[in-house]
Structure formats: structure tokens, C-alpha cells
C-alpha atoms as a PDB file:
ATOM      1  CA  UNK A   1       0.000   0.000   0.000  1.00  0.00           C
ATOM      2  CA  UNK A   2       2.858   2.358   0.843  1.00  0.00           C
ATOM      3  CA  UNK A   3       4.342   1.645  -2.588  1.00  0.00           C
ATOM      4  CA  UNK A   4       1.071   2.567  -4.341  1.00  0.00           C
ATOM      5  CA  UNK A   5       0.784   5.814  -2.369  1.00  0.00           C
ATOM      6  CA  UNK A   6       4.406   6.629  -3.125  1.00  0.00           C
ATOM      7  CA  UNK A   7       3.869   6.006  -6.855  1.00  0.00           C
ATOM      8  CA  UNK A   8       0.783   8.221  -6.878  1.00  0.00           C
ATOM      9  CA  UNK A   9       2.687  11.039  -5.198  1.00  0.00           C
ATOM     10  CA  UNK A  10       5.508  10.693  -7.715  1.00  0.00           C
ATOM     11  CA  UNK A  11       3.043  10.889 -10.626  1.00  0.00           C
ATOM     12  CA  UNK A  12       1.416  13.970  -9.142  1.00  0.00           C
ATOM     13  CA  UNK A  13       4.832  15.574  -8.779  1.00  0.00           C
ATOM     14  CA  UNK A  14       5.666  14.807 -12.422  1.00  0.00           C
ATOM     15  CA  UNK A  15       2.338  16.215 -13.656  1.00  0.00           C
ATOM     16  CA  UNK A  16       2.853  19.355 -11.589  1.00  0.00           C
ATOM     17  CA  UNK A  17       6.364  19.743 -12.959  1.00  0.00           C
ATOM     18  CA  UNK A  18       5.123  19.296 -16.522  1.00  0.00           C
ATOM     19  CA  UNK A  19       2.383  21.829 -15.979  1.00  0.00           C
ATOM     20  CA  UNK A  20       4.865  24.272 -14.493  1.00  0.00           C
ATOM     21  CA  UNK A  21       6.981  23.918 -17.631  1.00  0.00           C
ATOM     22  CA  UNK A  22       4.023  24.575 -19.925  1.00  0.00           C
ATOM     23  CA  UNK A  23       2.092  27.232 -18.055  1.00  0.00           C
ATOM     24  CA  UNK A  24       3.016  30.248 -15.962  1.00  0.00           C
ATOM     25  CA  UNK A  25       2.422  29.949 -12.256  1.00  0.00           C
ATOM     26  CA  UNK A  26      -0.614  31.761 -10.956  1.00  0.00           C
ATOM     27  CA  UNK A  27       0.227  35.349 -10.115  1.00  0.00           C
ATOM     28  CA  UNK A  28       3.359  35.388 -12.298  1.00  0.00           C
ATOM     29  CA  UNK A  29       4.211  36.019 -15.942  1.00  0.00           C
ATOM     30  CA  UNK A  30       6.714  33.741 -17.611  1.00  0.00           C
ATOM     31  CA  UNK A  31       8.023  33.359 -21.173  1.00  0.00           C
ATOM     32  CA  UNK A  32       6.109  30.921 -23.365  1.00  0.00           C
ATOM     33  CA  UNK A  33       6.558  29.525 -26.867  1.00  0.00           C
ATOM     34  CA  UNK A  34       4.155  29.155 -29.788  1.00  0.00           C
ATOM     35  CA  UNK A  35       4.945  27.152 -32.893  1.00  0.00           C
ATOM     36  CA  UNK A  36       2.539  26.047 -35.616  1.00  0.00           C
ATOM     37  CA  UNK A  37       2.940  24.971 -39.207  1.00  0.00           C
ATOM     38  CA  UNK A  38       0.681  26.830 -41.648  1.00  0.00           C
ATOM     39  CA  UNK A  39      -0.377  25.580 -45.080  1.00  0.00           C
ATOM     40  CA  UNK A  40      -0.529  28.277 -47.760  1.00  0.00           C
ATOM     41  CA  UNK A  41      -2.688  27.777 -50.849  1.00  0.00           C
ATOM     42  CA  UNK A  42      -2.548  30.280 -53.684  1.00  0.00           C
ATOM     43  CA  UNK A  43      -3.634  29.655 -57.266  1.00  0.00           C
ATOM     44  CA  UNK A  44      -1.847  31.609 -59.981  1.00  0.00           C
ATOM     45  CA  UNK A  45      -1.325  31.895 -63.706  1.00  0.00           C
ATOM     46  CA  UNK A  46       2.183  31.428 -65.069  1.00  0.00           C
ATOM     47  CA  UNK A  47       3.310  32.607 -68.486  1.00  0.00           C
ATOM     48  CA  UNK A  48       6.667  31.642 -69.996  1.00  0.00           C
ATOM     49  CA  UNK A  49       8.048  33.557 -72.988  1.00  0.00           C
ATOM     50  CA  UNK A  50       8.049  31.665 -76.284  1.00  0.00           C
ATOM     51  CA  UNK A  51      11.860  31.288 -76.295  1.00  0.00           C
ATOM     52  CA  UNK A  52      12.035  30.088 -72.695  1.00  0.00           C
ATOM     53  CA  UNK A  53      13.093  26.541 -73.652  1.00  0.00           C
ATOM     54  CA  UNK A  54      15.738  27.519 -76.216  1.00  0.00           C
ATOM     55  CA  UNK A  55      18.463  28.175 -73.647  1.00  0.00           C
ATOM     56  CA  UNK A  56      18.321  26.299 -70.353  1.00  0.00           C
ATOM     57  CA  UNK A  57      20.936  28.613 -68.852  1.00  0.00           C
ATOM     58  CA  UNK A  58      19.177  31.883 -69.613  1.00  0.00           C
ATOM     59  CA  UNK A  59      17.411  33.705 -66.797  1.00  0.00           C
ATOM     60  CA  UNK A  60      14.426  35.876 -67.558  1.00  0.00           C
ATOM     61  CA  UNK A  61      12.948  39.057 -66.124  1.00  0.00           C
ATOM     62  CA  UNK A  62       9.817  38.469 -64.046  1.00  0.00           C
ATOM     63  CA  UNK A  63       6.608  40.494 -63.808  1.00  0.00           C
ATOM     64  CA  UNK A  64       4.383  39.894 -60.790  1.00  0.00           C
ATOM     65  CA  UNK A  65       0.829  41.102 -61.439  1.00  0.00           C
ATOM     66  CA  UNK A  66      -1.793  41.721 -58.736  1.00  0.00           C
ATOM     67  CA  UNK A  67      -5.377  41.919 -59.987  1.00  0.00           C
ATOM     68  CA  UNK A  68      -8.240  44.044 -58.667  1.00  0.00           C
ATOM     69  CA  UNK A  69     -11.094  43.195 -56.301  1.00  0.00           C
ATOM     70  CA  UNK A  70     -13.375  42.045 -59.110  1.00  0.00           C
ATOM     71  CA  UNK A  71     -11.113  39.094 -59.967  1.00  0.00           C
ATOM     72  CA  UNK A  72     -11.017  37.580 -56.488  1.00  0.00           C
ATOM     73  CA  UNK A  73     -12.429  34.081 -56.283  1.00  0.00           C
ATOM     74  CA  UNK A  74     -11.747  30.454 -57.164  1.00  0.00           C
ATOM     75  CA  UNK A  75     -11.900  30.656 -60.969  1.00  0.00           C
ATOM     76  CA  UNK A  76      -8.334  31.309 -62.086  1.00  0.00           C
ATOM     77  CA  UNK A  77      -9.530  32.242 -65.580  1.00  0.00           C
ATOM     78  CA  UNK A  78     -10.905  35.486 -64.106  1.00  0.00           C
ATOM     79  CA  UNK A  79      -7.334  36.719 -63.667  1.00  0.00           C
ATOM     80  CA  UNK A  80      -7.005  36.940 -67.462  1.00  0.00           C
ATOM     81  CA  UNK A  81      -9.588  39.727 -67.556  1.00  0.00           C
ATOM     82  CA  UNK A  82      -7.087  42.596 -67.264  1.00  0.00           C
ATOM     83  CA  UNK A  83      -3.414  43.450 -67.311  1.00  0.00           C
ATOM     84  CA  UNK A  84      -0.440  41.351 -68.408  1.00  0.00           C
ATOM     85  CA  UNK A  85      -2.324  38.010 -68.203  1.00  0.00           C
ATOM     86  CA  UNK A  86      -4.791  39.352 -70.774  1.00  0.00           C
ATOM     87  CA  UNK A  87      -2.194  40.371 -73.359  1.00  0.00           C
ATOM     88  CA  UNK A  88       0.908  38.258 -72.626  1.00  0.00           C
ATOM     89  CA  UNK A  89       0.361  35.634 -75.305  1.00  0.00           C
ATOM     90  CA  UNK A  90      -0.879  37.973 -78.041  1.00  0.00           C
ATOM     91  CA  UNK A  91       1.991  40.410 -77.542  1.00  0.00           C
ATOM     92  CA  UNK A  92       4.586  37.693 -76.833  1.00  0.00           C
ATOM     93  CA  UNK A  93       5.932  39.616 -73.860  1.00  0.00           C
ATOM     94  CA  UNK A  94       9.595  38.731 -73.123  1.00  0.00           C
ATOM     95  CA  UNK A  95       9.030  38.092 -69.417  1.00  0.00           C
ATOM     96  CA  UNK A  96       8.071  35.302 -67.109  1.00  0.00           C
ATOM     97  CA  UNK A  97       4.733  36.552 -65.771  1.00  0.00           C
ATOM     98  CA  UNK A  98       3.030  35.233 -62.648  1.00  0.00           C
ATOM     99  CA  UNK A  99      -0.417  36.392 -61.581  1.00  0.00           C
ATOM    100  CA  UNK A 100      -1.825  35.088 -58.280  1.00  0.00           C
ATOM    101  CA  UNK A 101      -5.532  35.028 -57.498  1.00  0.00           C
ATOM    102  CA  UNK A 102      -6.678  36.500 -54.211  1.00  0.00           C
ATOM    103  CA  UNK A 103      -9.245  34.278 -52.402  1.00  0.00           C
ATOM    104  CA  UNK A 104     -12.862  35.492 -52.129  1.00  0.00           C
ATOM    105  CA  UNK A 105     -13.509  38.362 -49.723  1.00  0.00           C
ATOM    106  CA  UNK A 106      -9.811  38.668 -48.901  1.00  0.00           C
ATOM    107  CA  UNK A 107      -7.155  41.326 -49.456  1.00  0.00           C
ATOM    108  CA  UNK A 108      -3.613  40.981 -50.745  1.00  0.00           C
ATOM    109  CA  UNK A 109      -1.578  39.513 -47.873  1.00  0.00           C
ATOM    110  CA  UNK A 110       2.102  40.470 -48.114  1.00  0.00           C
ATOM    111  CA  UNK A 111       3.497  37.604 -45.961  1.00  0.00           C
ATOM    112  CA  UNK A 112       1.559  35.063 -48.034  1.00  0.00           C
ATOM    113  CA  UNK A 113       2.659  36.677 -51.297  1.00  0.00           C
ATOM    114  CA  UNK A 114       6.261  36.701 -50.116  1.00  0.00           C
ATOM    115  CA  UNK A 115       6.308  32.966 -49.355  1.00  0.00           C
ATOM    116  CA  UNK A 116       4.634  32.258 -52.695  1.00  0.00           C
ATOM    117  CA  UNK A 117       7.162  34.397 -54.607  1.00  0.00           C
ATOM    118  CA  UNK A 118      10.021  32.557 -52.915  1.00  0.00           C
ATOM    119  CA  UNK A 119       8.673  29.371 -54.459  1.00  0.00           C
ATOM    120  CA  UNK A 120       8.205  31.006 -57.871  1.00  0.00           C
ATOM    121  CA  UNK A 121      11.813  32.145 -57.836  1.00  0.00           C
ATOM    122  CA  UNK A 122      13.024  28.566 -57.378  1.00  0.00           C
ATOM    123  CA  UNK A 123      10.553  27.016 -59.830  1.00  0.00           C
ATOM    124  CA  UNK A 124      11.285  29.160 -62.880  1.00  0.00           C
ATOM    125  CA  UNK A 125      14.501  30.492 -64.394  1.00  0.00           C
ATOM    126  CA  UNK A 126      14.137  34.041 -63.149  1.00  0.00           C
ATOM    127  CA  UNK A 127      16.748  36.786 -62.883  1.00  0.00           C
ATOM    128  CA  UNK A 128      16.476  37.883 -59.227  1.00  0.00           C
ATOM    129  CA  UNK A 129      17.740  41.359 -60.137  1.00  0.00           C
ATOM    130  CA  UNK A 130      14.943  41.920 -62.652  1.00  0.00           C
ATOM    131  CA  UNK A 131      11.744  41.294 -60.724  1.00  0.00           C
ATOM    132  CA  UNK A 132       8.992  43.843 -61.400  1.00  0.00           C
ATOM    133  CA  UNK A 133       5.759  44.363 -59.470  1.00  0.00           C
ATOM    134  CA  UNK A 134       2.557  45.879 -60.813  1.00  0.00           C
ATOM    135  CA  UNK A 135      -1.161  45.804 -60.056  1.00  0.00           C
ATOM    136  CA  UNK A 136      -4.431  47.638 -60.544  1.00  0.00           C
ATOM    137  CA  UNK A 137      -6.994  48.991 -58.077  1.00  0.00           C
ATOM    138  CA  UNK A 138      -6.854  46.549 -55.137  1.00  0.00           C
ATOM    139  CA  UNK A 139      -3.690  45.281 -56.796  1.00  0.00           C
ATOM    140  CA  UNK A 140      -2.414  48.859 -56.963  1.00  0.00           C
ATOM    141  CA  UNK A 141      -2.808  49.086 -53.205  1.00  0.00           C
ATOM    142  CA  UNK A 142      -1.143  45.678 -52.938  1.00  0.00           C
ATOM    143  CA  UNK A 143       1.761  46.866 -55.079  1.00  0.00           C
ATOM    144  CA  UNK A 144       2.431  49.889 -52.871  1.00  0.00           C
ATOM    145  CA  UNK A 145       2.045  47.818 -49.696  1.00  0.00           C
ATOM    146  CA  UNK A 146       4.295  44.937 -50.767  1.00  0.00           C
ATOM    147  CA  UNK A 147       6.981  47.254 -52.120  1.00  0.00           C
ATOM    148  CA  UNK A 148       6.979  49.306 -48.912  1.00  0.00           C
ATOM    149  CA  UNK A 149       7.328  46.115 -46.858  1.00  0.00           C
ATOM    150  CA  UNK A 150      10.086  44.618 -49.051  1.00  0.00           C
ATOM    151  CA  UNK A 151      11.584  47.432 -51.142  1.00  0.00           C
ATOM    152  CA  UNK A 152      14.805  45.587 -51.949  1.00  0.00           C
ATOM    153  CA  UNK A 153      12.918  42.743 -53.569  1.00  0.00           C
ATOM    154  CA  UNK A 154      11.810  44.591 -56.691  1.00  0.00           C
ATOM    155  CA  UNK A 155      13.764  46.292 -59.453  1.00  0.00           C
ATOM    156  CA  UNK A 156      10.822  48.588 -60.251  1.00  0.00           C
ATOM    157  CA  UNK A 157       7.104  48.895 -59.517  1.00  0.00           C
ATOM    158  CA  UNK A 158       4.102  50.181 -61.491  1.00  0.00           C
ATOM    159  CA  UNK A 159       1.018  50.709 -59.286  1.00  0.00           C
ATOM    160  CA  UNK A 160      -2.219  51.685 -61.031  1.00  0.00           C
ATOM    161  CA  UNK A 161      -5.201  53.499 -59.464  1.00  0.00           C
ATOM    162  CA  UNK A 162      -4.219  52.457 -55.947  1.00  0.00           C
ATOM    163  CA  UNK A 163      -2.727  54.006 -52.853  1.00  0.00           C
ATOM    164  CA  UNK A 164      -0.327  53.284 -50.034  1.00  0.00           C
ATOM    165  CA  UNK A 165       0.984  54.407 -46.680  1.00  0.00           C
ATOM    166  CA  UNK A 166       2.663  57.773 -47.173  1.00  0.00           C
ATOM    167  CA  UNK A 167       4.285  57.493 -43.734  1.00  0.00           C
ATOM    168  CA  UNK A 168       6.291  54.495 -44.986  1.00  0.00           C
ATOM    169  CA  UNK A 169       7.319  56.124 -48.260  1.00  0.00           C
ATOM    170  CA  UNK A 170      10.938  56.465 -47.176  1.00  0.00           C
ATOM    171  CA  UNK A 171      11.274  52.712 -47.737  1.00  0.00           C
ATOM    172  CA  UNK A 172      10.798  53.383 -51.463  1.00  0.00           C
ATOM    173  CA  UNK A 173      13.358  56.154 -51.815  1.00  0.00           C
ATOM    174  CA  UNK A 174      15.538  53.925 -54.042  1.00  0.00           C
ATOM    175  CA  UNK A 175      12.794  52.080 -55.940  1.00  0.00           C
ATOM    176  CA  UNK A 176      11.995  53.159 -59.514  1.00  0.00           C
ATOM    177  CA  UNK A 177       8.254  53.873 -59.728  1.00  0.00           C
ATOM    178  CA  UNK A 178       5.840  54.530 -62.552  1.00  0.00           C
ATOM    179  CA  UNK A 179       2.385  55.360 -61.197  1.00  0.00           C
ATOM    180  CA  UNK A 180      -0.827  55.592 -63.249  1.00  0.00           C
ATOM    181  CA  UNK A 181      -4.225  57.074 -62.346  1.00  0.00           C
ATOM    182  CA  UNK A 182      -7.310  58.534 -64.011  1.00  0.00           C
ATOM    183  CA  UNK A 183      -8.185  62.061 -62.864  1.00  0.00           C
ATOM    184  CA  UNK A 184     -11.914  61.259 -62.932  1.00  0.00           C
ATOM    185  CA  UNK A 185     -11.620  58.009 -60.974  1.00  0.00           C
ATOM    186  CA  UNK A 186     -14.808  57.662 -58.852  1.00  0.00           C
ATOM    187  CA  UNK A 187     -13.628  54.495 -57.082  1.00  0.00           C
ATOM    188  CA  UNK A 188     -10.144  55.416 -55.893  1.00  0.00           C
ATOM    189  CA  UNK A 189      -9.652  59.210 -56.030  1.00  0.00           C
ATOM    190  CA  UNK A 190      -6.458  60.291 -57.744  1.00  0.00           C
ATOM    191  CA  UNK A 191      -5.389  61.893 -54.495  1.00  0.00           C
ATOM    192  CA  UNK A 192      -4.405  58.419 -53.275  1.00  0.00           C
ATOM    193  CA  UNK A 193      -1.686  58.240 -55.933  1.00  0.00           C
ATOM    194  CA  UNK A 194      -0.774  61.902 -55.579  1.00  0.00           C
ATOM    195  CA  UNK A 195      -0.030  61.456 -51.889  1.00  0.00           C
ATOM    196  CA  UNK A 196       2.252  58.496 -52.542  1.00  0.00           C
ATOM    197  CA  UNK A 197       4.097  60.151 -55.422  1.00  0.00           C
ATOM    198  CA  UNK A 198       4.633  63.307 -53.363  1.00  0.00           C
ATOM    199  CA  UNK A 199       5.809  61.262 -50.378  1.00  0.00           C
ATOM    200  CA  UNK A 200       8.389  59.186 -52.258  1.00  0.00           C
ATOM    201  CA  UNK A 201       9.735  62.282 -53.959  1.00  0.00           C
ATOM    202  CA  UNK A 202      10.090  64.043 -50.603  1.00  0.00           C
ATOM    203  CA  UNK A 203      11.920  60.945 -49.351  1.00  0.00           C
ATOM    204  CA  UNK A 204      14.535  61.553 -52.045  1.00  0.00           C
ATOM    205  CA  UNK A 205      13.381  59.287 -54.864  1.00  0.00           C
ATOM    206  CA  UNK A 206      14.351  60.868 -58.179  1.00  0.00           C
ATOM    207  CA  UNK A 207      13.199  57.977 -60.373  1.00  0.00           C
ATOM    208  CA  UNK A 208       9.433  58.511 -60.196  1.00  0.00           C
ATOM    209  CA  UNK A 209       7.024  58.886 -63.113  1.00  0.00           C
ATOM    210  CA  UNK A 210       3.353  59.762 -62.718  1.00  0.00           C
ATOM    211  CA  UNK A 211       0.989  59.385 -65.664  1.00  0.00           C
ATOM    212  CA  UNK A 212      -2.345  61.123 -65.158  1.00  0.00           C
ATOM    213  CA  UNK A 213      -5.194  60.555 -67.597  1.00  0.00           C
ATOM    214  CA  UNK A 214      -7.381  63.706 -67.594  1.00  0.00           C
ATOM    215  CA  UNK A 215     -10.481  61.994 -68.964  1.00  0.00           C
ATOM    216  CA  UNK A 216     -10.074  58.502 -67.503  1.00  0.00           C
ATOM    217  CA  UNK A 217     -12.187  57.062 -64.715  1.00  0.00           C
ATOM    218  CA  UNK A 218     -11.176  54.003 -62.699  1.00  0.00           C
ATOM    219  CA  UNK A 219      -9.931  52.072 -65.714  1.00  0.00           C
ATOM    220  CA  UNK A 220      -6.532  53.581 -66.327  1.00  0.00           C
ATOM    221  CA  UNK A 221      -4.990  50.145 -66.751  1.00  0.00           C
ATOM    222  CA  UNK A 222      -6.153  49.087 -70.210  1.00  0.00           C
ATOM    223  CA  UNK A 223      -4.246  51.823 -72.020  1.00  0.00           C
ATOM    224  CA  UNK A 224      -1.314  51.540 -69.598  1.00  0.00           C
ATOM    225  CA  UNK A 225      -0.746  47.806 -70.016  1.00  0.00           C
ATOM    226  CA  UNK A 226      -1.227  48.110 -73.782  1.00  0.00           C
ATOM    227  CA  UNK A 227       1.623  50.623 -73.926  1.00  0.00           C
ATOM    228  CA  UNK A 228       4.913  48.929 -74.935  1.00  0.00           C
ATOM    229  CA  UNK A 229       6.815  51.733 -73.209  1.00  0.00           C
ATOM    230  CA  UNK A 230       5.850  50.268 -69.832  1.00  0.00           C
ATOM    231  CA  UNK A 231       7.659  47.001 -70.566  1.00  0.00           C
ATOM    232  CA  UNK A 232      10.626  48.825 -72.048  1.00  0.00           C
ATOM    233  CA  UNK A 233      10.761  50.897 -68.857  1.00  0.00           C
ATOM    234  CA  UNK A 234      10.742  47.771 -66.707  1.00  0.00           C
ATOM    235  CA  UNK A 235      13.699  46.352 -68.623  1.00  0.00           C
ATOM    236  CA  UNK A 236      15.731  49.516 -68.037  1.00  0.00           C
ATOM    237  CA  UNK A 237      15.941  48.723 -64.324  1.00  0.00           C
ATOM    238  CA  UNK A 238      17.778  46.198 -62.218  1.00  0.00           C
ATOM    239  CA  UNK A 239      17.487  45.613 -58.507  1.00  0.00           C
ATOM    240  CA  UNK A 240      20.983  47.016 -58.014  1.00  0.00           C
ATOM    241  CA  UNK A 241      19.563  50.411 -58.827  1.00  0.00           C
ATOM    242  CA  UNK A 242      21.622  50.780 -61.972  1.00  0.00           C
ATOM    243  CA  UNK A 243      19.322  51.564 -64.907  1.00  0.00           C
ATOM    244  CA  UNK A 244      20.510  50.381 -68.273  1.00  0.00           C
ATOM    245  CA  UNK A 245      18.969  48.975 -71.401  1.00  0.00           C
ATOM    246  CA  UNK A 246      19.335  45.215 -71.618  1.00  0.00           C
ATOM    247  CA  UNK A 247      21.730  43.936 -74.221  1.00  0.00           C
ATOM    248  CA  UNK A 248      20.372  41.650 -76.906  1.00  0.00           C
ATOM    249  CA  UNK A 249      21.961  38.548 -75.404  1.00  0.00           C
ATOM    250  CA  UNK A 250      20.180  38.818 -72.031  1.00  0.00           C
END
């Protein structure tokens, strides 16, 4: 009987010790740990330039495109409605282009996008110094937000009819920017872009372009993405900050 009682006391002591290791004692605060694995699911379109398979050693510039609120959902074909995914094949754009789809009723999540882009960079033959970010409306906001959070990740950005956090604009003082907005936009007032452009210029950024369309409403993106000068402008920039036209053998 004494042995049974002794064993019970020992078990109680072990349980108490285990609990003390896992939980703070009553009336005290103690350091704790939290660790959990998270599964990320993100559908996206991927476009490879027509000459992608000709040279297995060649690395290509990458465009990341963030769509607007209207293309959120579970039908990936919706992402082809606007922007680079709409025109990539017809215009034979010389980029790898990846276009994620935001889940229904969600917003662009920078940490999720960052993990996804890490995978993209290992999956395709991409030049890490020529990664360009662009997006429209909700994707314009996402472009500003992601670039402010990770400014060294992108060689240049082209936000369209979006806005950002002007208080964080200093993060973009070395990032080439081409911003687009319609002056008659009833959905996202042009002031949202004006504030960001003014802020990055005040932060010392001298490589900022701002295209204003006097008669355009919210859709400033159709004419902008159809303009070959945008893609030429992308290719003039590398992540190092040195702007130079790409030679024909790149």
C-alpha cells in the first residue's frame, strides 16, 4: 500500500512539474513559446516567354501582377480579364509573368505573397535582379504595400489606381516607380496616388514617373498595359539600382 501511495505522489509531482513547464504559475508572468505549421494555398497563372526553352541557362525578367477586387475568387480564368495576363500571349511579352488570385472576400496579404514568390523564384529560371511588381486597383494598393514592406525585392514597380501608406514612403526612396491614375476616378480618387508620389519624392526618390489621364475614370490600366513603353521601362531597371537597357543577349 505504501508503494502505491508513493507512486501516486511521484506521478502527481511529475504532472505538476510538466504543468509548471508549460504554463506560468498563478500570479506570475513567464516566457512561453508558440509554434505552428501553416499551409498556404494560392492559385496563380504562369506565363513563360516563347523562347524560354531555347536556352536552359538563360534567366528571364519576371513580372508579378496583382489583380483588382473584381477578380477575387476560385476561378483562375478570371485573372485573365485585365493586365499582363490578358495580353501576354498575343503580344509575346519577353518576361516570365506570374499572376496570383486572391481568395474570395480577402485582401492581398504580403506575408503570403512573399512565401509564394520565394517558391516562384526557385521554380522558374528568373533573374532575381529583374523582378517587377505591378497591379491595378486593389492590386495597386497591394503593389504599394508589398513594395513598402520589401523594397529591396523589386527592381521597379508600377502601381495603377491604388494608394499606399505615405508614412512608410521612405522605404521606397531607391525604388523606380511609374504610377498611373485617371483624374476622374470615382472608385479610388487620384489623391491616393498623388499622396504616394509626393511622399516618395520628398523621401529623395528621383526615379518617379506619374501618368495622369485627364479623362479617364477608374480604368486607367487598359491603355497603360497596352503601352509597350511600360515594358521597355521595366527592362531599363535592375534591382541594383543601376538603370541600363538590356543587351540583346540577355
